[in-house]
C-alpha atoms as a PDB file:
ATOM      1  CA  UNK A   1       0.000   0.000   0.000  1.00  0.00           C
ATOM      2  CA  UNK A   2       2.879   2.270   0.833  1.00  0.00           C
ATOM      3  CA  UNK A   3       4.535   1.568  -2.509  1.00  0.00           C
ATOM      4  CA  UNK A   4       1.310   2.482  -4.378  1.00  0.00           C
ATOM      5  CA  UNK A   5       1.283   5.810  -2.544  1.00  0.00           C
ATOM      6  CA  UNK A   6       4.933   6.380  -3.430  1.00  0.00           C
ATOM      7  CA  UNK A   7       4.285   5.529  -7.077  1.00  0.00           C
ATOM      8  CA  UNK A   8       1.211   7.815  -7.184  1.00  0.00           C
ATOM      9  CA  UNK A   9       3.156  10.623  -5.495  1.00  0.00           C
ATOM     10  CA  UNK A  10       6.080  10.206  -7.894  1.00  0.00           C
ATOM     11  CA  UNK A  11       3.675  10.208 -10.863  1.00  0.00           C
ATOM     12  CA  UNK A  12       2.015  13.434  -9.642  1.00  0.00           C
ATOM     13  CA  UNK A  13       5.392  15.087  -9.121  1.00  0.00           C
ATOM     14  CA  UNK A  14       6.492  14.056 -12.614  1.00  0.00           C
ATOM     15  CA  UNK A  15       3.290  15.423 -14.173  1.00  0.00           C
ATOM     16  CA  UNK A  16       3.656  18.652 -12.166  1.00  0.00           C
ATOM     17  CA  UNK A  17       7.274  19.142 -13.232  1.00  0.00           C
ATOM     18  CA  UNK A  18       6.434  18.380 -16.877  1.00  0.00           C
ATOM     19  CA  UNK A  19       3.521  20.856 -16.763  1.00  0.00           C
ATOM     20  CA  UNK A  20       5.694  23.601 -15.253  1.00  0.00           C
ATOM     21  CA  UNK A  21       8.395  23.114 -17.892  1.00  0.00           C
ATOM     22  CA  UNK A  22       5.828  23.052 -20.705  1.00  0.00           C
ATOM     23  CA  UNK A  23       4.074  26.193 -19.350  1.00  0.00           C
ATOM     24  CA  UNK A  24       7.259  28.232 -19.019  1.00  0.00           C
ATOM     25  CA  UNK A  25       8.545  27.061 -22.405  1.00  0.00           C
ATOM     26  CA  UNK A  26       5.352  28.352 -24.086  1.00  0.00           C
ATOM     27  CA  UNK A  27       5.426  31.773 -22.388  1.00  0.00           C
ATOM     28  CA  UNK A  28       8.167  33.666 -24.178  1.00  0.00           C
ATOM     29  CA  UNK A  29       9.439  37.005 -22.930  1.00  0.00           C
ATOM     30  CA  UNK A  30       7.887  39.402 -25.487  1.00  0.00           C
ATOM     31  CA  UNK A  31      10.230  42.192 -24.315  1.00  0.00           C
ATOM     32  CA  UNK A  32      13.433  40.167 -24.645  1.00  0.00           C
ATOM     33  CA  UNK A  33      14.551  41.793 -27.914  1.00  0.00           C
ATOM     34  CA  UNK A  34      12.736  45.134 -27.538  1.00  0.00           C
ATOM     35  CA  UNK A  35      14.869  48.198 -26.777  1.00  0.00           C
ATOM     36  CA  UNK A  36      12.957  51.264 -25.606  1.00  0.00           C
ATOM     37  CA  UNK A  37      14.841  54.579 -25.716  1.00  0.00           C
ATOM     38  CA  UNK A  38      14.568  57.748 -23.631  1.00  0.00           C
ATOM     39  CA  UNK A  39      13.185  56.137 -20.489  1.00  0.00           C
ATOM     40  CA  UNK A  40      10.564  54.033 -22.244  1.00  0.00           C
ATOM     41  CA  UNK A  41       9.633  50.652 -20.817  1.00  0.00           C
ATOM     42  CA  UNK A  42       8.569  47.500 -22.607  1.00  0.00           C
ATOM     43  CA  UNK A  43       5.095  46.142 -21.834  1.00  0.00           C
ATOM     44  CA  UNK A  44       3.943  43.002 -23.674  1.00  0.00           C
ATOM     45  CA  UNK A  45       6.452  43.587 -26.476  1.00  0.00           C
ATOM     46  CA  UNK A  46       5.566  47.259 -27.047  1.00  0.00           C
ATOM     47  CA  UNK A  47       7.347  50.358 -25.764  1.00  0.00           C
ATOM     48  CA  UNK A  48       5.443  52.588 -23.361  1.00  0.00           C
ATOM     49  CA  UNK A  49       7.002  56.036 -23.728  1.00  0.00           C
ATOM     50  CA  UNK A  50       7.276  59.047 -21.396  1.00  0.00           C
ATOM     51  CA  UNK A  51       4.874  61.739 -22.681  1.00  0.00           C
ATOM     52  CA  UNK A  52       7.623  63.774 -24.310  1.00  0.00           C
ATOM     53  CA  UNK A  53       8.619  60.901 -26.636  1.00  0.00           C
ATOM     54  CA  UNK A  54       6.785  58.838 -29.241  1.00  0.00           C
ATOM     55  CA  UNK A  55       7.506  56.171 -31.827  1.00  0.00           C
ATOM     56  CA  UNK A  56       7.837  52.415 -31.713  1.00  0.00           C
ATOM     57  CA  UNK A  57      11.022  52.659 -29.610  1.00  0.00           C
ATOM     58  CA  UNK A  58      10.389  56.092 -27.986  1.00  0.00           C
ATOM     59  CA  UNK A  59      12.925  57.583 -30.398  1.00  0.00           C
ATOM     60  CA  UNK A  60      11.046  60.751 -31.458  1.00  0.00           C
ATOM     61  CA  UNK A  61      10.622  63.926 -29.417  1.00  0.00           C
ATOM     62  CA  UNK A  62       6.962  64.966 -29.326  1.00  0.00           C
ATOM     63  CA  UNK A  63       7.939  68.648 -29.250  1.00  0.00           C
ATOM     64  CA  UNK A  64       9.530  68.388 -32.711  1.00  0.00           C
ATOM     65  CA  UNK A  65       6.120  67.787 -34.291  1.00  0.00           C
ATOM     66  CA  UNK A  66       4.951  71.144 -32.831  1.00  0.00           C
ATOM     67  CA  UNK A  67       7.691  73.258 -34.442  1.00  0.00           C
ATOM     68  CA  UNK A  68       5.259  75.271 -36.535  1.00  0.00           C
ATOM     69  CA  UNK A  69       3.513  78.611 -36.684  1.00  0.00           C
ATOM     70  CA  UNK A  70      -0.114  78.694 -35.529  1.00  0.00           C
ATOM     71  CA  UNK A  71      -2.186  81.728 -36.531  1.00  0.00           C
ATOM     72  CA  UNK A  72      -5.511  83.090 -35.301  1.00  0.00           C
ATOM     73  CA  UNK A  73      -7.252  85.732 -33.232  1.00  0.00           C
ATOM     74  CA  UNK A  74      -7.100  86.730 -29.601  1.00  0.00           C
ATOM     75  CA  UNK A  75      -8.562  89.064 -27.025  1.00  0.00           C
ATOM     76  CA  UNK A  76      -7.226  90.638 -23.843  1.00  0.00           C
ATOM     77  CA  UNK A  77      -8.904  91.205 -20.495  1.00  0.00           C
ATOM     78  CA  UNK A  78      -9.557  94.862 -21.452  1.00  0.00           C
ATOM     79  CA  UNK A  79     -11.603  93.697 -24.457  1.00  0.00           C
ATOM     80  CA  UNK A  80      -9.064  94.588 -27.138  1.00  0.00           C
ATOM     81  CA  UNK A  81      -8.833  92.151 -30.049  1.00  0.00           C
ATOM     82  CA  UNK A  82      -5.778  90.828 -31.853  1.00  0.00           C
ATOM     83  CA  UNK A  83      -6.482  89.704 -35.414  1.00  0.00           C
ATOM     84  CA  UNK A  84      -4.276  87.219 -37.238  1.00  0.00           C
ATOM     85  CA  UNK A  85      -1.583  86.993 -34.554  1.00  0.00           C
ATOM     86  CA  UNK A  86       0.714  83.984 -34.386  1.00  0.00           C
ATOM     87  CA  UNK A  87       2.411  81.564 -32.017  1.00  0.00           C
ATOM     88  CA  UNK A  88       5.657  80.219 -33.427  1.00  0.00           C
ATOM     89  CA  UNK A  89       7.140  77.140 -31.703  1.00  0.00           C
ATOM     90  CA  UNK A  90      10.765  76.115 -32.265  1.00  0.00           C
ATOM     91  CA  UNK A  91      13.619  74.073 -30.780  1.00  0.00           C
ATOM     92  CA  UNK A  92      15.152  75.381 -27.578  1.00  0.00           C
ATOM     93  CA  UNK A  93      17.835  73.479 -25.692  1.00  0.00           C
ATOM     94  CA  UNK A  94      18.250  69.758 -25.193  1.00  0.00           C
ATOM     95  CA  UNK A  95      15.432  69.088 -22.707  1.00  0.00           C
ATOM     96  CA  UNK A  96      12.691  67.253 -24.645  1.00  0.00           C
ATOM     97  CA  UNK A  97      10.029  69.010 -22.554  1.00  0.00           C
ATOM     98  CA  UNK A  98      11.152  72.560 -23.440  1.00  0.00           C
ATOM     99  CA  UNK A  99      10.402  74.650 -26.556  1.00  0.00           C
ATOM    100  CA  UNK A 100      10.786  78.243 -27.596  1.00  0.00           C
ATOM    101  CA  UNK A 101       7.626  80.164 -28.496  1.00  0.00           C
ATOM    102  CA  UNK A 102       7.353  83.603 -30.072  1.00  0.00           C
ATOM    103  CA  UNK A 103       4.167  85.652 -29.877  1.00  0.00           C
ATOM    104  CA  UNK A 104       3.942  87.521 -33.186  1.00  0.00           C
ATOM    105  CA  UNK A 105       1.671  90.332 -34.393  1.00  0.00           C
ATOM    106  CA  UNK A 106      -0.248  90.175 -37.662  1.00  0.00           C
ATOM    107  CA  UNK A 107       2.825  91.724 -39.333  1.00  0.00           C
ATOM    108  CA  UNK A 108       5.091  89.063 -37.735  1.00  0.00           C
ATOM    109  CA  UNK A 109       6.691  91.556 -35.343  1.00  0.00           C
ATOM    110  CA  UNK A 110       7.765  89.777 -32.170  1.00  0.00           C
ATOM    111  CA  UNK A 111       5.879  90.793 -29.015  1.00  0.00           C
ATOM    112  CA  UNK A 112       7.617  88.302 -26.736  1.00  0.00           C
ATOM    113  CA  UNK A 113      10.128  85.485 -27.113  1.00  0.00           C
ATOM    114  CA  UNK A 114       9.130  82.930 -24.476  1.00  0.00           C
ATOM    115  CA  UNK A 115      10.171  79.499 -23.287  1.00  0.00           C
ATOM    116  CA  UNK A 116       7.495  76.888 -22.605  1.00  0.00           C
ATOM    117  CA  UNK A 117       7.659  73.553 -20.797  1.00  0.00           C
ATOM    118  CA  UNK A 118       5.461  70.628 -21.820  1.00  0.00           C
ATOM    119  CA  UNK A 119       3.391  69.333 -18.900  1.00  0.00           C
ATOM    120  CA  UNK A 120       1.873  66.529 -20.976  1.00  0.00           C
ATOM    121  CA  UNK A 121       2.027  65.553 -24.631  1.00  0.00           C
ATOM    122  CA  UNK A 122      -0.284  68.487 -25.504  1.00  0.00           C
ATOM    123  CA  UNK A 123      -0.235  70.995 -22.613  1.00  0.00           C
ATOM    124  CA  UNK A 124       2.434  73.505 -21.625  1.00  0.00           C
ATOM    125  CA  UNK A 125       3.247  76.264 -19.184  1.00  0.00           C
ATOM    126  CA  UNK A 126       4.987  79.486 -20.074  1.00  0.00           C
ATOM    127  CA  UNK A 127       8.184  79.809 -18.052  1.00  0.00           C
ATOM    128  CA  UNK A 128       8.082  83.067 -16.119  1.00  0.00           C
ATOM    129  CA  UNK A 129      10.204  85.752 -17.765  1.00  0.00           C
ATOM    130  CA  UNK A 130      10.597  89.488 -17.287  1.00  0.00           C
ATOM    131  CA  UNK A 131      10.839  91.454 -20.524  1.00  0.00           C
ATOM    132  CA  UNK A 132      11.320  95.225 -20.161  1.00  0.00           C
ATOM    133  CA  UNK A 133       9.567  95.307 -16.787  1.00  0.00           C
ATOM    134  CA  UNK A 134       6.647  93.054 -17.770  1.00  0.00           C
ATOM    135  CA  UNK A 135       6.512  89.551 -16.296  1.00  0.00           C
ATOM    136  CA  UNK A 136       4.960  86.946 -18.582  1.00  0.00           C
ATOM    137  CA  UNK A 137       3.473  83.630 -17.397  1.00  0.00           C
ATOM    138  CA  UNK A 138       0.758  81.417 -18.801  1.00  0.00           C
ATOM    139  CA  UNK A 139      -0.537  78.095 -20.045  1.00  0.00           C
ATOM    140  CA  UNK A 140      -1.619  76.597 -23.319  1.00  0.00           C
ATOM    141  CA  UNK A 141      -2.106  73.599 -25.537  1.00  0.00           C
ATOM    142  CA  UNK A 142      -0.463  72.531 -28.774  1.00  0.00           C
ATOM    143  CA  UNK A 143      -0.832  69.617 -31.150  1.00  0.00           C
ATOM    144  CA  UNK A 144      -0.164  68.963 -34.791  1.00  0.00           C
ATOM    145  CA  UNK A 145      -2.998  71.179 -36.047  1.00  0.00           C
ATOM    146  CA  UNK A 146      -3.874  73.867 -33.472  1.00  0.00           C
ATOM    147  CA  UNK A 147      -2.683  75.746 -30.405  1.00  0.00           C
ATOM    148  CA  UNK A 148      -4.144  77.857 -27.597  1.00  0.00           C
ATOM    149  CA  UNK A 149      -2.516  80.305 -25.208  1.00  0.00           C
ATOM    150  CA  UNK A 150      -3.551  82.168 -22.077  1.00  0.00           C
ATOM    151  CA  UNK A 151      -0.796  84.664 -21.366  1.00  0.00           C
ATOM    152  CA  UNK A 152      -0.573  86.844 -18.262  1.00  0.00           C
ATOM    153  CA  UNK A 153       1.411  90.076 -18.579  1.00  0.00           C
ATOM    154  CA  UNK A 154       2.033  91.654 -15.155  1.00  0.00           C
ATOM    155  CA  UNK A 155       3.506  95.111 -14.771  1.00  0.00           C
ATOM    156  CA  UNK A 156       3.304  97.616 -11.908  1.00  0.00           C
ATOM    157  CA  UNK A 157       0.753  95.627  -9.920  1.00  0.00           C
ATOM    158  CA  UNK A 158      -1.622  95.191 -12.872  1.00  0.00           C
ATOM    159  CA  UNK A 159      -2.108  92.090 -14.990  1.00  0.00           C
ATOM    160  CA  UNK A 160      -3.424  91.965 -18.531  1.00  0.00           C
ATOM    161  CA  UNK A 161      -4.575  88.521 -19.698  1.00  0.00           C
ATOM    162  CA  UNK A 162      -4.316  87.634 -23.383  1.00  0.00           C
ATOM    163  CA  UNK A 163      -6.346  84.678 -24.670  1.00  0.00           C
ATOM    164  CA  UNK A 164      -5.686  83.050 -28.026  1.00  0.00           C
ATOM    165  CA  UNK A 165      -7.945  80.093 -28.873  1.00  0.00           C
ATOM    166  CA  UNK A 166      -8.114  77.966 -31.997  1.00  0.00           C
ATOM    167  CA  UNK A 167      -4.817  79.077 -33.468  1.00  0.00           C
ATOM    168  CA  UNK A 168      -4.510  77.040 -36.671  1.00  0.00           C
ATOM    169  CA  UNK A 169      -1.265  75.527 -37.967  1.00  0.00           C
ATOM    170  CA  UNK A 170       0.040  77.387 -41.028  1.00  0.00           C
END
């Protein structure tokens, strides 16, 4: 009786070991040969990228796709309108979250050269800067086809807020 138990136990152990080997042999590591760049991580054979990078291996900077001029209309908190003004985004430094942005009049005269930092793949903040006694801050959005900007211009205890919505890529 004891030998039957030993045989049954040995048979169960053999089946268990065979099953474990078969199971692990069938489950291949899908990330084994995947290299994700710029802090990306492999999940089920596909790179999951930090928001400032895209592409199959996180090789492309998102900001580079926004290096365009976006044109449209705006208004300020005093009710003045700004027709056909532009936001021009361009490369600035090596940080993949940072871009330059110029606010341009309808004649392409520069009002302010600003630096913006991406907060997500499509949202940014304007880095605080003082230009001729006026401190600029703000927020906005940008994607491949349009941009928005809310820009605060503070000087002498007063703040004027400029709002540019639906700026269209040129």
